[in-house]
Amino acid sequence: MAWLVALVRRLWRELLGFGVVGAVGYVSDAIVINLLYHHVPSVLASAIAVCVSTVIAYLGNRFWTFRHRERRETGAEFGLFALVSAGGFLIAVSCVWFTEHVLGADSRLAVNIAQLGAGQVLGTLFRFWACHEFVFPERPEIPTMTQCAVNVVGAGAEIE
């Protein structure tokens, strides 16, 4: 449990920022899927809603949550973000598909629970992990001369 507390202390600002950006994305997702619900098939409405919230989330995460992280060329970074978001997208849309085609529930309430409940929660957990690890990674620490000397001495002490 101590490792979890240490991890949260280290990542609290990013977790908070990611949560705020996620909330904005969540609201945009809810608005878009409900605006489109009676105009297009619900799985398509889900796909469009996720795409809109993905662009909003990228902008919020790049320029606010992970602003202190190393920057890549924007196209490459957005490409990685889009790939990670595709994973979240598949999770959310799969929840809607499962609800409609396996459970047989296709009401507005069922679609909203599938999309905004299960789909967004599972997709958000996946996206935070993947963004933190791959899209906006922490800068690798460059060892100082002192650390190099300690490593060499320590390695030499082990070799006999």
C-alpha atoms as a PDB file:
ATOM      1  CA  MET A   1       0.000   0.000   0.000  1.00  0.00           C
ATOM      2  CA  ALA A   2       2.942   2.348   0.652  1.00  0.00           C
ATOM      3  CA  TRP A   3       3.945   2.067  -3.021  1.00  0.00           C
ATOM      4  CA  LEU A   4       0.482   3.291  -4.030  1.00  0.00           C
ATOM      5  CA  VAL A   5       0.705   6.312  -1.704  1.00  0.00           C
ATOM      6  CA  ALA A   6       4.179   7.133  -3.063  1.00  0.00           C
ATOM      7  CA  LEU A   7       2.913   6.830  -6.643  1.00  0.00           C
ATOM      8  CA  VAL A   8      -0.082   9.112  -6.002  1.00  0.00           C
ATOM      9  CA  ARG A   9       2.153  11.696  -4.296  1.00  0.00           C
ATOM     10  CA  ARG A  10       4.450  11.702  -7.304  1.00  0.00           C
ATOM     11  CA  LEU A  11       1.640  11.892  -9.862  1.00  0.00           C
ATOM     12  CA  TRP A  12      -1.068  13.894  -8.035  1.00  0.00           C
ATOM     13  CA  ARG A  13      -0.807  16.996 -10.243  1.00  0.00           C
ATOM     14  CA  GLU A  14      -0.967  14.933 -13.421  1.00  0.00           C
ATOM     15  CA  LEU A  15      -3.812  12.846 -12.054  1.00  0.00           C
ATOM     16  CA  LEU A  16      -5.739  15.991 -11.138  1.00  0.00           C
ATOM     17  CA  GLY A  17      -5.068  17.640 -14.509  1.00  0.00           C
ATOM     18  CA  PHE A  18      -5.909  14.468 -16.405  1.00  0.00           C
ATOM     19  CA  GLY A  19      -9.133  14.250 -14.395  1.00  0.00           C
ATOM     20  CA  VAL A  20     -10.147  17.833 -15.183  1.00  0.00           C
ATOM     21  CA  VAL A  21      -9.349  17.417 -18.884  1.00  0.00           C
ATOM     22  CA  GLY A  22     -11.182  14.095 -18.779  1.00  0.00           C
ATOM     23  CA  ALA A  23     -14.222  15.753 -17.224  1.00  0.00           C
ATOM     24  CA  VAL A  24     -14.311  18.321 -20.028  1.00  0.00           C
ATOM     25  CA  GLY A  25     -13.958  15.499 -22.564  1.00  0.00           C
ATOM     26  CA  TYR A  26     -16.661  13.533 -20.753  1.00  0.00           C
ATOM     27  CA  VAL A  27     -19.093  16.454 -20.950  1.00  0.00           C
ATOM     28  CA  SER A  28     -18.347  16.973 -24.642  1.00  0.00           C
ATOM     29  CA  ASP A  29     -18.810  13.229 -25.201  1.00  0.00           C
ATOM     30  CA  ALA A  30     -22.189  13.296 -23.423  1.00  0.00           C
ATOM     31  CA  ILE A  31     -23.367  16.340 -25.373  1.00  0.00           C
ATOM     32  CA  VAL A  32     -22.349  14.958 -28.780  1.00  0.00           C
ATOM     33  CA  ILE A  33     -23.732  11.429 -28.289  1.00  0.00           C
ATOM     34  CA  ASN A  34     -27.054  12.808 -27.063  1.00  0.00           C
ATOM     35  CA  LEU A  35     -27.292  15.364 -29.883  1.00  0.00           C
ATOM     36  CA  LEU A  36     -26.694  12.605 -32.437  1.00  0.00           C
ATOM     37  CA  TYR A  37     -28.728   9.833 -30.743  1.00  0.00           C
ATOM     38  CA  HIS A  38     -31.864  10.073 -32.910  1.00  0.00           C
ATOM     39  CA  HIS A  39     -30.052  11.151 -36.095  1.00  0.00           C
ATOM     40  CA  VAL A  40     -27.510   8.367 -36.645  1.00  0.00           C
ATOM     41  CA  PRO A  41     -27.082   4.792 -35.368  1.00  0.00           C
ATOM     42  CA  SER A  42     -25.960   4.793 -31.733  1.00  0.00           C
ATOM     43  CA  VAL A  43     -22.611   3.096 -32.415  1.00  0.00           C
ATOM     44  CA  LEU A  44     -21.821   5.794 -35.013  1.00  0.00           C
ATOM     45  CA  ALA A  45     -22.936   8.481 -32.550  1.00  0.00           C
ATOM     46  CA  SER A  46     -20.606   6.902 -30.010  1.00  0.00           C
ATOM     47  CA  ALA A  47     -17.715   6.931 -32.491  1.00  0.00           C
ATOM     48  CA  ILE A  48     -18.237  10.593 -33.399  1.00  0.00           C
ATOM     49  CA  ALA A  49     -18.553  11.595 -29.735  1.00  0.00           C
ATOM     50  CA  VAL A  50     -15.323   9.806 -28.845  1.00  0.00           C
ATOM     51  CA  CYS A  51     -13.487  11.478 -31.753  1.00  0.00           C
ATOM     52  CA  VAL A  52     -14.593  14.958 -30.651  1.00  0.00           C
ATOM     53  CA  SER A  53     -13.639  14.321 -27.033  1.00  0.00           C
ATOM     54  CA  THR A  54     -10.278  12.869 -28.165  1.00  0.00           C
ATOM     55  CA  VAL A  55      -9.268  16.124 -29.866  1.00  0.00           C
ATOM     56  CA  ILE A  56     -10.364  18.104 -26.806  1.00  0.00           C
ATOM     57  CA  ALA A  57      -8.430  15.737 -24.535  1.00  0.00           C
ATOM     58  CA  TYR A  58      -5.246  15.971 -26.604  1.00  0.00           C
ATOM     59  CA  LEU A  59      -5.254  19.753 -26.493  1.00  0.00           C
ATOM     60  CA  GLY A  60      -5.953  19.816 -22.756  1.00  0.00           C
ATOM     61  CA  ASN A  61      -3.359  17.199 -21.914  1.00  0.00           C
ATOM     62  CA  ARG A  62      -0.615  18.564 -24.162  1.00  0.00           C
ATOM     63  CA  PHE A  63      -0.977  22.192 -23.164  1.00  0.00           C
ATOM     64  CA  TRP A  64      -1.996  21.795 -19.529  1.00  0.00           C
ATOM     65  CA  THR A  65      -1.697  18.374 -17.842  1.00  0.00           C
ATOM     66  CA  PHE A  66       1.620  17.297 -19.375  1.00  0.00           C
ATOM     67  CA  ARG A  67       2.939  20.757 -20.328  1.00  0.00           C
ATOM     68  CA  HIS A  68       6.147  20.198 -18.350  1.00  0.00           C
ATOM     69  CA  ARG A  69       6.976  16.969 -20.174  1.00  0.00           C
ATOM     70  CA  GLU A  70       9.399  16.692 -23.049  1.00  0.00           C
ATOM     71  CA  ARG A  71       7.860  17.736 -26.353  1.00  0.00           C
ATOM     72  CA  ARG A  72       8.011  15.808 -29.557  1.00  0.00           C
ATOM     73  CA  GLU A  73       7.242  16.939 -33.052  1.00  0.00           C
ATOM     74  CA  THR A  74       3.518  17.719 -32.851  1.00  0.00           C
ATOM     75  CA  GLY A  75       2.454  15.357 -35.631  1.00  0.00           C
ATOM     76  CA  ALA A  76       4.260  12.396 -34.098  1.00  0.00           C
ATOM     77  CA  GLU A  77       2.941  13.208 -30.643  1.00  0.00           C
ATOM     78  CA  PHE A  78      -0.629  13.579 -31.867  1.00  0.00           C
ATOM     79  CA  GLY A  79      -0.217  10.330 -33.809  1.00  0.00           C
ATOM     80  CA  LEU A  80       0.754   8.503 -30.617  1.00  0.00           C
ATOM     81  CA  PHE A  81      -2.088  10.200 -28.740  1.00  0.00           C
ATOM     82  CA  ALA A  82      -4.514   9.162 -31.489  1.00  0.00           C
ATOM     83  CA  LEU A  83      -3.248   5.576 -31.291  1.00  0.00           C
ATOM     84  CA  VAL A  84      -3.684   5.510 -27.518  1.00  0.00           C
ATOM     85  CA  SER A  85      -7.078   7.157 -27.894  1.00  0.00           C
ATOM     86  CA  ALA A  86      -8.031   4.503 -30.432  1.00  0.00           C
ATOM     87  CA  GLY A  87      -7.592   1.968 -27.644  1.00  0.00           C
ATOM     88  CA  GLY A  88      -9.874   4.032 -25.403  1.00  0.00           C
ATOM     89  CA  PHE A  89     -12.246   4.494 -28.350  1.00  0.00           C
ATOM     90  CA  LEU A  90     -12.463   0.741 -28.921  1.00  0.00           C
ATOM     91  CA  ILE A  91     -13.140   0.187 -25.240  1.00  0.00           C
ATOM     92  CA  ALA A  92     -15.994   2.757 -25.172  1.00  0.00           C
ATOM     93  CA  VAL A  93     -17.582   1.689 -28.459  1.00  0.00           C
ATOM     94  CA  SER A  94     -17.275  -1.982 -27.480  1.00  0.00           C
ATOM     95  CA  CYS A  95     -19.241  -1.246 -24.320  1.00  0.00           C
ATOM     96  CA  VAL A  96     -22.047   0.299 -26.411  1.00  0.00           C
ATOM     97  CA  TRP A  97     -21.922  -2.593 -28.893  1.00  0.00           C
ATOM     98  CA  PHE A  98     -21.984  -5.157 -26.070  1.00  0.00           C
ATOM     99  CA  THR A  99     -24.928  -3.419 -24.416  1.00  0.00           C
ATOM    100  CA  GLU A 100     -26.961  -3.311 -27.626  1.00  0.00           C
ATOM    101  CA  HIS A 101     -26.040  -6.574 -29.332  1.00  0.00           C
ATOM    102  CA  VAL A 102     -25.333  -8.916 -26.443  1.00  0.00           C
ATOM    103  CA  LEU A 103     -27.517  -7.557 -23.659  1.00  0.00           C
ATOM    104  CA  GLY A 104     -30.228  -6.352 -26.060  1.00  0.00           C
ATOM    105  CA  ALA A 105     -30.586  -2.973 -24.329  1.00  0.00           C
ATOM    106  CA  ASP A 106     -30.814  -0.104 -26.813  1.00  0.00           C
ATOM    107  CA  SER A 107     -32.589   2.625 -24.862  1.00  0.00           C
ATOM    108  CA  ARG A 108     -31.032   6.052 -24.448  1.00  0.00           C
ATOM    109  CA  LEU A 109     -30.357   5.216 -20.775  1.00  0.00           C
ATOM    110  CA  ALA A 110     -28.618   1.943 -21.651  1.00  0.00           C
ATOM    111  CA  VAL A 111     -26.465   3.622 -24.321  1.00  0.00           C
ATOM    112  CA  ASN A 112     -25.526   6.420 -21.913  1.00  0.00           C
ATOM    113  CA  ILE A 113     -24.593   3.986 -19.153  1.00  0.00           C
ATOM    114  CA  ALA A 114     -22.528   1.911 -21.572  1.00  0.00           C
ATOM    115  CA  GLN A 115     -20.792   4.932 -23.134  1.00  0.00           C
ATOM    116  CA  LEU A 116     -20.454   7.313 -20.226  1.00  0.00           C
ATOM    117  CA  GLY A 117     -20.261   4.781 -17.429  1.00  0.00           C
ATOM    118  CA  ALA A 118     -18.351   1.664 -18.293  1.00  0.00           C
ATOM    119  CA  GLY A 119     -16.803   2.801 -21.583  1.00  0.00           C
ATOM    120  CA  GLN A 120     -15.415   6.119 -20.388  1.00  0.00           C
ATOM    121  CA  VAL A 121     -14.181   4.789 -17.046  1.00  0.00           C
ATOM    122  CA  LEU A 122     -12.316   1.842 -18.553  1.00  0.00           C
ATOM    123  CA  GLY A 123     -11.097   3.911 -21.496  1.00  0.00           C
ATOM    124  CA  THR A 124      -9.844   6.689 -19.200  1.00  0.00           C
ATOM    125  CA  LEU A 125      -7.851   4.303 -17.037  1.00  0.00           C
ATOM    126  CA  PHE A 126      -6.219   2.883 -20.144  1.00  0.00           C
ATOM    127  CA  ARG A 127      -5.527   6.336 -21.643  1.00  0.00           C
ATOM    128  CA  PHE A 128      -3.929   7.743 -18.481  1.00  0.00           C
ATOM    129  CA  TRP A 129      -1.562   4.815 -18.220  1.00  0.00           C
ATOM    130  CA  ALA A 130      -0.649   4.900 -21.919  1.00  0.00           C
ATOM    131  CA  CYS A 131      -0.300   8.714 -22.096  1.00  0.00           C
ATOM    132  CA  HIS A 132       1.905   8.744 -19.019  1.00  0.00           C
ATOM    133  CA  GLU A 133       4.101   5.931 -20.337  1.00  0.00           C
ATOM    134  CA  PHE A 134       4.238   6.530 -24.093  1.00  0.00           C
ATOM    135  CA  VAL A 135       2.755   9.809 -25.339  1.00  0.00           C
ATOM    136  CA  PHE A 136       4.084  12.282 -22.762  1.00  0.00           C
ATOM    137  CA  PRO A 137       6.865  10.264 -21.097  1.00  0.00           C
ATOM    138  CA  GLU A 138       8.972  11.614 -18.280  1.00  0.00           C
ATOM    139  CA  ARG A 139      12.392  12.774 -19.321  1.00  0.00           C
ATOM    140  CA  PRO A 140      14.922  10.061 -18.663  1.00  0.00           C
ATOM    141  CA  GLU A 141      17.351  11.133 -16.002  1.00  0.00           C
ATOM    142  CA  ILE A 142      20.854  11.658 -17.291  1.00  0.00           C
ATOM    143  CA  PRO A 143      23.248  10.226 -14.738  1.00  0.00           C
ATOM    144  CA  THR A 144      25.657  12.654 -13.145  1.00  0.00           C
ATOM    145  CA  MET A 145      29.371  11.983 -12.873  1.00  0.00           C
ATOM    146  CA  THR A 146      28.890  11.076  -9.211  1.00  0.00           C
ATOM    147  CA  GLN A 147      26.192   8.516 -10.073  1.00  0.00           C
ATOM    148  CA  CYS A 148      28.414   7.057 -12.801  1.00  0.00           C
ATOM    149  CA  ALA A 149      31.345   6.757 -10.375  1.00  0.00           C
ATOM    150  CA  VAL A 150      29.134   5.077  -7.766  1.00  0.00           C
ATOM    151  CA  ASN A 151      27.821   2.642 -10.393  1.00  0.00           C
ATOM    152  CA  VAL A 152      31.328   1.807 -11.604  1.00  0.00           C
ATOM    153  CA  VAL A 153      32.645   1.352  -8.068  1.00  0.00           C
ATOM    154  CA  GLY A 154      29.549  -0.642  -7.092  1.00  0.00           C
ATOM    155  CA  ALA A 155      29.847  -2.841 -10.178  1.00  0.00           C
ATOM    156  CA  GLY A 156      33.553  -3.315  -9.590  1.00  0.00           C
ATOM    157  CA  ALA A 157      32.933  -4.344  -6.009  1.00  0.00           C
ATOM    158  CA  GLU A 158      30.575  -7.087  -7.161  1.00  0.00           C
ATOM    159  CA  ILE A 159      32.999  -8.527  -9.708  1.00  0.00           C
ATOM    160  CA  GLU A 160      35.663 -10.690  -8.072  1.00  0.00           C
END
